[in-house]
């Protein structure tokens, strides 16, 4: 659960930062600053992938020891998070 929450927190933060910097409005200094922030976000994608991968591995491990209904919930949540990351990246 901690790994899942860590990934979702990372993704939520990244999306907020992307939203703040994706609008190409402002003077040249402001646009340059936004471009730098977008490059930083792009460079942080591997970190997000590592967090997602860790959550997926732990989710699969957890599914081995929980009942079928709980496993279905875990798999659904992880699949939704993976899709959300794919859409973000």
PDB file of N, CA and C in Angstrom:
ATOM      1  N   UNK A   1       0.822  -1.185   0.000  1.00  0.00           N
ATOM      2  CA  UNK A   1       0.000   0.000   0.000  1.00  0.00           C
ATOM      3  C   UNK A   1       0.876   1.263   0.000  1.00  0.00           C
ATOM      4  N   UNK A   2       1.963   1.211   0.774  1.00  0.00           N
ATOM      5  CA  UNK A   2       2.850   2.380   0.834  1.00  0.00           C
ATOM      6  C   UNK A   2       3.467   2.679  -0.534  1.00  0.00           C
ATOM      7  N   UNK A   3       3.895   1.636  -1.238  1.00  0.00           N
ATOM      8  CA  UNK A   3       4.487   1.843  -2.563  1.00  0.00           C
ATOM      9  C   UNK A   3       3.457   2.394  -3.543  1.00  0.00           C
ATOM     10  N   UNK A   4       2.250   1.878  -3.466  1.00  0.00           N
ATOM     11  CA  UNK A   4       1.158   2.348  -4.322  1.00  0.00           C
ATOM     12  C   UNK A   4       0.868   3.823  -4.035  1.00  0.00           C
ATOM     13  N   UNK A   5       0.766   4.174  -2.768  1.00  0.00           N
ATOM     14  CA  UNK A   5       0.511   5.561  -2.385  1.00  0.00           C
ATOM     15  C   UNK A   5       1.665   6.472  -2.770  1.00  0.00           C
ATOM     16  N   UNK A   6       2.891   5.977  -2.623  1.00  0.00           N
ATOM     17  CA  UNK A   6       4.068   6.757  -3.007  1.00  0.00           C
ATOM     18  C   UNK A   6       4.040   7.073  -4.502  1.00  0.00           C
ATOM     19  N   UNK A   7       3.732   6.067  -5.313  1.00  0.00           N
ATOM     20  CA  UNK A   7       3.648   6.300  -6.747  1.00  0.00           C
ATOM     21  C   UNK A   7       2.536   7.298  -7.078  1.00  0.00           C
ATOM     22  N   UNK A   8       1.354   7.096  -6.516  1.00  0.00           N
ATOM     23  CA  UNK A   8       0.235   7.993  -6.811  1.00  0.00           C
ATOM     24  C   UNK A   8       0.523   9.422  -6.372  1.00  0.00           C
ATOM     25  N   UNK A   9       1.202   9.576  -5.263  1.00  0.00           N
ATOM     26  CA  UNK A   9       1.591  10.907  -4.805  1.00  0.00           C
ATOM     27  C   UNK A   9       2.576  11.539  -5.792  1.00  0.00           C
ATOM     28  N   UNK A  10       3.552  10.751  -6.244  1.00  0.00           N
ATOM     29  CA  UNK A  10       4.524  11.248  -7.225  1.00  0.00           C
ATOM     30  C   UNK A  10       3.812  11.680  -8.499  1.00  0.00           C
ATOM     31  N   UNK A  11       2.888  10.848  -8.979  1.00  0.00           N
ATOM     32  CA  UNK A  11       2.187  11.158 -10.224  1.00  0.00           C
ATOM     33  C   UNK A  11       1.304  12.394 -10.076  1.00  0.00           C
ATOM     34  N   UNK A  12       0.591  12.508  -8.973  1.00  0.00           N
ATOM     35  CA  UNK A  12      -0.262  13.671  -8.733  1.00  0.00           C
ATOM     36  C   UNK A  12       0.578  14.960  -8.716  1.00  0.00           C
ATOM     37  N   UNK A  13       1.715  14.912  -8.033  1.00  0.00           N
ATOM     38  CA  UNK A  13       2.613  16.061  -7.962  1.00  0.00           C
ATOM     39  C   UNK A  13       3.143  16.417  -9.357  1.00  0.00           C
ATOM     40  N   UNK A  14       3.544  15.402 -10.118  1.00  0.00           N
ATOM     41  CA  UNK A  14       4.072  15.640 -11.465  1.00  0.00           C
ATOM     42  C   UNK A  14       3.001  16.254 -12.365  1.00  0.00           C
ATOM     43  N   UNK A  15       1.780  15.766 -12.264  1.00  0.00           N
ATOM     44  CA  UNK A  15       0.696  16.312 -13.085  1.00  0.00           C
ATOM     45  C   UNK A  15       0.397  17.767 -12.730  1.00  0.00           C
ATOM     46  N   UNK A  16       0.432  18.088 -11.448  1.00  0.00           N
ATOM     47  CA  UNK A  16       0.218  19.470 -11.023  1.00  0.00           C
ATOM     48  C   UNK A  16       1.307  20.383 -11.587  1.00  0.00           C
ATOM     49  N   UNK A  17       2.552  19.922 -11.502  1.00  0.00           N
ATOM     50  CA  UNK A  17       3.668  20.724 -12.033  1.00  0.00           C
ATOM     51  C   UNK A  17       3.555  20.863 -13.545  1.00  0.00           C
ATOM     52  N   UNK A  18       3.140  19.807 -14.227  1.00  0.00           N
ATOM     53  CA  UNK A  18       2.953  19.868 -15.671  1.00  0.00           C
ATOM     54  C   UNK A  18       1.865  20.870 -16.025  1.00  0.00           C
ATOM     55  N   UNK A  19       0.776  20.827 -15.301  1.00  0.00           N
ATOM     56  CA  UNK A  19      -0.334  21.742 -15.553  1.00  0.00           C
ATOM     57  C   UNK A  19       0.095  23.200 -15.405  1.00  0.00           C
ATOM     58  N   UNK A  20       0.903  23.487 -14.388  1.00  0.00           N
ATOM     59  CA  UNK A  20       1.358  24.858 -14.144  1.00  0.00           C
ATOM     60  C   UNK A  20       2.312  25.356 -15.227  1.00  0.00           C
ATOM     61  N   UNK A  21       3.003  24.441 -15.888  1.00  0.00           N
ATOM     62  CA  UNK A  21       4.050  24.858 -16.817  1.00  0.00           C
ATOM     63  C   UNK A  21       3.761  24.553 -18.279  1.00  0.00           C
ATOM     64  N   UNK A  22       2.600  24.022 -18.594  1.00  0.00           N
ATOM     65  CA  UNK A  22       2.336  23.624 -19.975  1.00  0.00           C
ATOM     66  C   UNK A  22       1.717  24.724 -20.828  1.00  0.00           C
ATOM     67  N   UNK A  23       1.232  25.767 -20.223  1.00  0.00           N
ATOM     68  CA  UNK A  23       0.614  26.854 -20.982  1.00  0.00           C
ATOM     69  C   UNK A  23       1.694  27.817 -21.483  1.00  0.00           C
ATOM     70  N   UNK A  24       1.849  27.948 -22.807  1.00  0.00           N
ATOM     71  CA  UNK A  24       2.914  28.799 -23.352  1.00  0.00           C
ATOM     72  C   UNK A  24       2.549  30.289 -23.344  1.00  0.00           C
ATOM     73  N   UNK A  25       2.237  30.802 -22.170  1.00  0.00           N
ATOM     74  CA  UNK A  25       1.846  32.197 -22.032  1.00  0.00           C
ATOM     75  C   UNK A  25       2.837  32.882 -21.106  1.00  0.00           C
ATOM     76  N   UNK A  26       3.187  34.096 -21.446  1.00  0.00           N
ATOM     77  CA  UNK A  26       4.081  34.869 -20.607  1.00  0.00           C
ATOM     78  C   UNK A  26       5.194  35.480 -21.429  1.00  0.00           C
ATOM     79  N   UNK A  27       6.037  36.243 -20.758  1.00  0.00           N
ATOM     80  CA  UNK A  27       7.171  36.841 -21.459  1.00  0.00           C
ATOM     81  C   UNK A  27       8.240  35.774 -21.687  1.00  0.00           C
ATOM     82  N   UNK A  28       9.288  36.142 -22.368  1.00  0.00           N
ATOM     83  CA  UNK A  28      10.302  35.152 -22.749  1.00  0.00           C
ATOM     84  C   UNK A  28      10.976  34.519 -21.525  1.00  0.00           C
ATOM     85  N   UNK A  29      11.153  35.284 -20.473  1.00  0.00           N
ATOM     86  CA  UNK A  29      11.759  34.738 -19.256  1.00  0.00           C
ATOM     87  C   UNK A  29      10.847  33.694 -18.623  1.00  0.00           C
ATOM     88  N   UNK A  30       9.571  34.009 -18.554  1.00  0.00           N
ATOM     89  CA  UNK A  30       8.609  33.071 -17.966  1.00  0.00           C
ATOM     90  C   UNK A  30       8.490  31.798 -18.799  1.00  0.00           C
ATOM     91  N   UNK A  31       8.480  31.945 -20.110  1.00  0.00           N
ATOM     92  CA  UNK A  31       8.394  30.780 -20.994  1.00  0.00           C
ATOM     93  C   UNK A  31       9.666  29.940 -20.885  1.00  0.00           C
ATOM     94  N   UNK A  32      10.813  30.585 -20.792  1.00  0.00           N
ATOM     95  CA  UNK A  32      12.076  29.851 -20.606  1.00  0.00           C
ATOM     96  C   UNK A  32      12.059  29.067 -19.305  1.00  0.00           C
ATOM     97  N   UNK A  33      11.544  29.671 -18.259  1.00  0.00           N
ATOM     98  CA  UNK A  33      11.443  29.002 -16.966  1.00  0.00           C
ATOM     99  C   UNK A  33      10.510  27.787 -17.052  1.00  0.00           C
ATOM    100  N   UNK A  34       9.400  27.956 -17.760  1.00  0.00           N
ATOM    101  CA  UNK A  34       8.467  26.837 -17.930  1.00  0.00           C
ATOM    102  C   UNK A  34       9.123  25.707 -18.722  1.00  0.00           C
ATOM    103  N   UNK A  35       9.887  26.052 -19.718  1.00  0.00           N
ATOM    104  CA  UNK A  35      10.567  25.044 -20.526  1.00  0.00           C
ATOM    105  C   UNK A  35      11.561  24.256 -19.669  1.00  0.00           C
ATOM    106  N   UNK A  36      12.284  24.949 -18.810  1.00  0.00           N
ATOM    107  CA  UNK A  36      13.219  24.273 -17.902  1.00  0.00           C
ATOM    108  C   UNK A  36      12.448  23.308 -16.997  1.00  0.00           C
ATOM    109  N   UNK A  37      11.323  23.753 -16.458  1.00  0.00           N
ATOM    110  CA  UNK A  37      10.526  22.893 -15.579  1.00  0.00           C
ATOM    111  C   UNK A  37       9.991  21.667 -16.324  1.00  0.00           C
ATOM    112  N   UNK A  38       9.604  21.843 -17.587  1.00  0.00           N
ATOM    113  CA  UNK A  38       9.131  20.711 -18.388  1.00  0.00           C
ATOM    114  C   UNK A  38      10.255  19.708 -18.633  1.00  0.00           C
ATOM    115  N   UNK A  39      11.458  20.205 -18.848  1.00  0.00           N
ATOM    116  CA  UNK A  39      12.606  19.307 -19.025  1.00  0.00           C
ATOM    117  C   UNK A  39      12.905  18.546 -17.739  1.00  0.00           C
ATOM    118  N   UNK A  40      12.743  19.204 -16.604  1.00  0.00           N
ATOM    119  CA  UNK A  40      12.931  18.541 -15.314  1.00  0.00           C
ATOM    120  C   UNK A  40      11.899  17.427 -15.154  1.00  0.00           C
ATOM    121  N   UNK A  41      10.659  17.721 -15.488  1.00  0.00           N
ATOM    122  CA  UNK A  41       9.607  16.703 -15.404  1.00  0.00           C
ATOM    123  C   UNK A  41       9.919  15.511 -16.299  1.00  0.00           C
ATOM    124  N   UNK A  42      10.392  15.792 -17.480  1.00  0.00           N
ATOM    125  CA  UNK A  42      10.739  14.714 -18.403  1.00  0.00           C
ATOM    126  C   UNK A  42      11.885  13.869 -17.839  1.00  0.00           C
ATOM    127  N   UNK A  43      12.844  14.512 -17.230  1.00  0.00           N
ATOM    128  CA  UNK A  43      13.980  13.792 -16.647  1.00  0.00           C
ATOM    129  C   UNK A  43      13.557  12.950 -15.443  1.00  0.00           C
ATOM    130  N   UNK A  44      12.446  13.288 -14.822  1.00  0.00           N
ATOM    131  CA  UNK A  44      11.967  12.553 -13.655  1.00  0.00           C
ATOM    132  C   UNK A  44      11.085  11.358 -14.020  1.00  0.00           C
ATOM    133  N   UNK A  45      10.789  11.172 -15.298  1.00  0.00           N
ATOM    134  CA  UNK A  45       9.960  10.040 -15.713  1.00  0.00           C
ATOM    135  C   UNK A  45      10.524   8.685 -15.273  1.00  0.00           C
ATOM    136  N   UNK A  46      11.833   8.454 -15.382  1.00  0.00           N
ATOM    137  CA  UNK A  46      12.358   7.163 -14.912  1.00  0.00           C
ATOM    138  C   UNK A  46      12.085   6.911 -13.422  1.00  0.00           C
ATOM    139  N   UNK A  47      12.113   7.957 -12.625  1.00  0.00           N
ATOM    140  CA  UNK A  47      11.802   7.815 -11.197  1.00  0.00           C
ATOM    141  C   UNK A  47      10.360   7.331 -11.022  1.00  0.00           C
ATOM    142  N   UNK A  48       9.454   7.917 -11.781  1.00  0.00           N
ATOM    143  CA  UNK A  48       8.054   7.488 -11.716  1.00  0.00           C
ATOM    144  C   UNK A  48       7.894   6.052 -12.167  1.00  0.00           C
ATOM    145  N   UNK A  49       8.618   5.675 -13.218  1.00  0.00           N
ATOM    146  CA  UNK A  49       8.543   4.298 -13.708  1.00  0.00           C
ATOM    147  C   UNK A  49       9.041   3.323 -12.643  1.00  0.00           C
ATOM    148  N   UNK A  50      10.120   3.684 -11.947  1.00  0.00           N
ATOM    149  CA  UNK A  50      10.632   2.831 -10.871  1.00  0.00           C
ATOM    150  C   UNK A  50       9.613   2.680  -9.739  1.00  0.00           C
ATOM    151  N   UNK A  51       8.958   3.769  -9.395  1.00  0.00           N
ATOM    152  CA  UNK A  51       7.945   3.717  -8.336  1.00  0.00           C
ATOM    153  C   UNK A  51       6.772   2.843  -8.768  1.00  0.00           C
ATOM    154  N   UNK A  52       6.343   2.993 -10.012  1.00  0.00           N
ATOM    155  CA  UNK A  52       5.256   2.166 -10.523  1.00  0.00           C
ATOM    156  C   UNK A  52       5.662   0.701 -10.549  1.00  0.00           C
ATOM    157  N   UNK A  53       6.846   0.416 -11.045  1.00  0.00           N
ATOM    158  CA  UNK A  53       7.319  -0.971 -11.107  1.00  0.00           C
ATOM    159  C   UNK A  53       7.361  -1.609  -9.721  1.00  0.00           C
ATOM    160  N   UNK A  54       7.829  -0.863  -8.738  1.00  0.00           N
ATOM    161  CA  UNK A  54       7.895  -1.384  -7.372  1.00  0.00           C
ATOM    162  C   UNK A  54       6.489  -1.690  -6.846  1.00  0.00           C
ATOM    163  N   UNK A  55       5.536  -0.809  -7.126  1.00  0.00           N
ATOM    164  CA  UNK A  55       4.156  -1.036  -6.689  1.00  0.00           C
ATOM    165  C   UNK A  55       3.560  -2.247  -7.398  1.00  0.00           C
ATOM    166  N   UNK A  56       3.866  -2.409  -8.684  1.00  0.00           N
ATOM    167  CA  UNK A  56       3.342  -3.558  -9.432  1.00  0.00           C
ATOM    168  C   UNK A  56       3.899  -4.868  -8.883  1.00  0.00           C
ATOM    169  N   UNK A  57       5.187  -4.899  -8.612  1.00  0.00           N
ATOM    170  CA  UNK A  57       5.813  -6.114  -8.065  1.00  0.00           C
ATOM    171  C   UNK A  57       5.196  -6.457  -6.714  1.00  0.00           C
ATOM    172  N   UNK A  58       5.105  -5.475  -5.848  1.00  0.00           N
ATOM    173  CA  UNK A  58       4.553  -5.732  -4.517  1.00  0.00           C
ATOM    174  C   UNK A  58       3.074  -6.105  -4.612  1.00  0.00           C
ATOM    175  N   UNK A  59       2.355  -5.509  -5.546  1.00  0.00           N
ATOM    176  CA  UNK A  59       0.952  -5.875  -5.738  1.00  0.00           C
ATOM    177  C   UNK A  59       0.801  -7.324  -6.162  1.00  0.00           C
ATOM    178  N   UNK A  60       1.660  -7.768  -7.077  1.00  0.00           N
ATOM    179  CA  UNK A  60       1.625  -9.177  -7.503  1.00  0.00           C
ATOM    180  C   UNK A  60       1.953 -10.105  -6.339  1.00  0.00           C
ATOM    181  N   UNK A  61       2.927  -9.725  -5.535  1.00  0.00           N
ATOM    182  CA  UNK A  61       3.286 -10.526  -4.362  1.00  0.00           C
ATOM    183  C   UNK A  61       2.113 -10.590  -3.379  1.00  0.00           C
ATOM    184  N   UNK A  62       1.451  -9.481  -3.192  1.00  0.00           N
ATOM    185  CA  UNK A  62       0.330  -9.415  -2.264  1.00  0.00           C
ATOM    186  C   UNK A  62      -0.828 -10.284  -2.751  1.00  0.00           C
ATOM    187  N   UNK A  63      -1.029 -10.315  -4.053  1.00  0.00           N
ATOM    188  CA  UNK A  63      -2.124 -11.113  -4.612  1.00  0.00           C
ATOM    189  C   UNK A  63      -1.954 -12.602  -4.311  1.00  0.00           C
ATOM    190  N   UNK A  64      -0.751 -13.033  -4.072  1.00  0.00           N
ATOM    191  CA  UNK A  64      -0.518 -14.445  -3.756  1.00  0.00           C
ATOM    192  C   UNK A  64      -1.029 -14.827  -2.371  1.00  0.00           C
ATOM    193  N   UNK A  65      -1.213 -13.820  -1.501  1.00  0.00           N
ATOM    194  CA  UNK A  65      -1.571 -14.144  -0.118  1.00  0.00           C
ATOM    195  C   UNK A  65      -2.936 -13.609   0.314  1.00  0.00           C
ATOM    196  N   UNK A  66      -3.631 -12.920  -0.571  1.00  0.00           N
ATOM    197  CA  UNK A  66      -4.954 -12.395  -0.215  1.00  0.00           C
ATOM    198  C   UNK A  66      -6.021 -13.166  -0.969  1.00  0.00           C
ATOM    199  N   UNK A  67      -7.272 -12.963  -0.579  1.00  0.00           N
ATOM    200  CA  UNK A  67      -8.343 -13.671  -1.271  1.00  0.00           C
ATOM    201  C   UNK A  67      -8.588 -13.072  -2.652  1.00  0.00           C
ATOM    202  N   UNK A  68      -9.385 -13.760  -3.434  1.00  0.00           N
ATOM    203  CA  UNK A  68      -9.602 -13.403  -4.841  1.00  0.00           C
ATOM    204  C   UNK A  68     -10.184 -12.000  -4.987  1.00  0.00           C
ATOM    205  N   UNK A  69     -11.157 -11.659  -4.149  1.00  0.00           N
ATOM    206  CA  UNK A  69     -11.781 -10.333  -4.266  1.00  0.00           C
ATOM    207  C   UNK A  69     -10.783  -9.210  -3.997  1.00  0.00           C
ATOM    208  N   UNK A  70      -9.953  -9.381  -2.969  1.00  0.00           N
ATOM    209  CA  UNK A  70      -8.942  -8.368  -2.664  1.00  0.00           C
ATOM    210  C   UNK A  70      -7.920  -8.263  -3.795  1.00  0.00           C
ATOM    211  N   UNK A  71      -7.565  -9.404  -4.353  1.00  0.00           N
ATOM    212  CA  UNK A  71      -6.613  -9.411  -5.463  1.00  0.00           C
ATOM    213  C   UNK A  71      -7.185  -8.668  -6.664  1.00  0.00           C
ATOM    214  N   UNK A  72      -8.475  -8.844  -6.926  1.00  0.00           N
ATOM    215  CA  UNK A  72      -9.105  -8.141  -8.049  1.00  0.00           C
ATOM    216  C   UNK A  72      -9.061  -6.634  -7.853  1.00  0.00           C
ATOM    217  N   UNK A  73      -9.274  -6.194  -6.622  1.00  0.00           N
ATOM    218  CA  UNK A  73      -9.214  -4.758  -6.316  1.00  0.00           C
ATOM    219  C   UNK A  73      -7.794  -4.247  -6.521  1.00  0.00           C
ATOM    220  N   UNK A  74      -6.818  -4.987  -6.029  1.00  0.00           N
ATOM    221  CA  UNK A  74      -5.414  -4.595  -6.171  1.00  0.00           C
ATOM    222  C   UNK A  74      -5.043  -4.511  -7.646  1.00  0.00           C
ATOM    223  N   UNK A  75      -5.381  -5.538  -8.396  1.00  0.00           N
ATOM    224  CA  UNK A  75      -5.045  -5.555  -9.821  1.00  0.00           C
ATOM    225  C   UNK A  75      -5.730  -4.413 -10.572  1.00  0.00           C
ATOM    226  N   UNK A  76      -6.987  -4.128 -10.240  1.00  0.00           N
ATOM    227  CA  UNK A  76      -7.712  -3.031 -10.898  1.00  0.00           C
ATOM    228  C   UNK A  76      -7.049  -1.682 -10.596  1.00  0.00           C
ATOM    229  N   UNK A  77      -6.703  -1.466  -9.330  1.00  0.00           N
ATOM    230  CA  UNK A  77      -6.071  -0.199  -8.945  1.00  0.00           C
ATOM    231  C   UNK A  77      -4.703  -0.036  -9.595  1.00  0.00           C
ATOM    232  N   UNK A  78      -3.931  -1.114  -9.623  1.00  0.00           N
ATOM    233  CA  UNK A  78      -2.605  -1.042 -10.243  1.00  0.00           C
ATOM    234  C   UNK A  78      -2.706  -0.831 -11.751  1.00  0.00           C
ATOM    235  N   UNK A  79      -3.662  -1.485 -12.390  1.00  0.00           N
ATOM    236  CA  UNK A  79      -3.845  -1.300 -13.833  1.00  0.00           C
ATOM    237  C   UNK A  79      -4.251   0.139 -14.141  1.00  0.00           C
ATOM    238  N   UNK A  80      -5.118   0.703 -13.317  1.00  0.00           N
ATOM    239  CA  UNK A  80      -5.533   2.098 -13.513  1.00  0.00           C
ATOM    240  C   UNK A  80      -4.346   3.042 -13.338  1.00  0.00           C
ATOM    241  N   UNK A  81      -3.507   2.777 -12.350  1.00  0.00           N
ATOM    242  CA  UNK A  81      -2.325   3.616 -12.118  1.00  0.00           C
ATOM    243  C   UNK A  81      -1.340   3.497 -13.271  1.00  0.00           C
ATOM    244  N   UNK A  82      -1.143   2.280 -13.767  1.00  0.00           N
ATOM    245  CA  UNK A  82      -0.233   2.079 -14.898  1.00  0.00           C
ATOM    246  C   UNK A  82      -0.743   2.809 -16.130  1.00  0.00           C
ATOM    247  N   UNK A  83      -2.050   2.752 -16.368  1.00  0.00           N
ATOM    248  CA  UNK A  83      -2.625   3.451 -17.518  1.00  0.00           C
ATOM    249  C   UNK A  83      -2.484   4.973 -17.354  1.00  0.00           C
ATOM    250  N   UNK A  84      -2.701   5.441 -16.139  1.00  0.00           N
ATOM    251  CA  UNK A  84      -2.567   6.871 -15.869  1.00  0.00           C
ATOM    252  C   UNK A  84      -1.126   7.337 -16.109  1.00  0.00           C
ATOM    253  N   UNK A  85      -0.160   6.517 -15.707  1.00  0.00           N
ATOM    254  CA  UNK A  85       1.243   6.868 -15.953  1.00  0.00           C
ATOM    255  C   UNK A  85       1.539   6.865 -17.450  1.00  0.00           C
ATOM    256  N   UNK A  86       1.027   5.876 -18.173  1.00  0.00           N
ATOM    257  CA  UNK A  86       1.233   5.823 -19.622  1.00  0.00           C
ATOM    258  C   UNK A  86       0.654   7.070 -20.292  1.00  0.00           C
ATOM    259  N   UNK A  87      -0.502   7.497 -19.849  1.00  0.00           N
ATOM    260  CA  UNK A  87      -1.114   8.700 -20.416  1.00  0.00           C
ATOM    261  C   UNK A  87      -0.319   9.951 -20.068  1.00  0.00           C
ATOM    262  N   UNK A  88       0.264   9.956 -18.875  1.00  0.00           N
ATOM    263  CA  UNK A  88       1.076  11.099 -18.454  1.00  0.00           C
ATOM    264  C   UNK A  88       2.379  11.174 -19.240  1.00  0.00           C
ATOM    265  N   UNK A  89       3.022  10.015 -19.405  1.00  0.00           N
ATOM    266  CA  UNK A  89       4.328  10.014 -20.042  1.00  0.00           C
ATOM    267  C   UNK A  89       4.176   9.997 -21.542  1.00  0.00           C
TER     268      UNK A  89
END
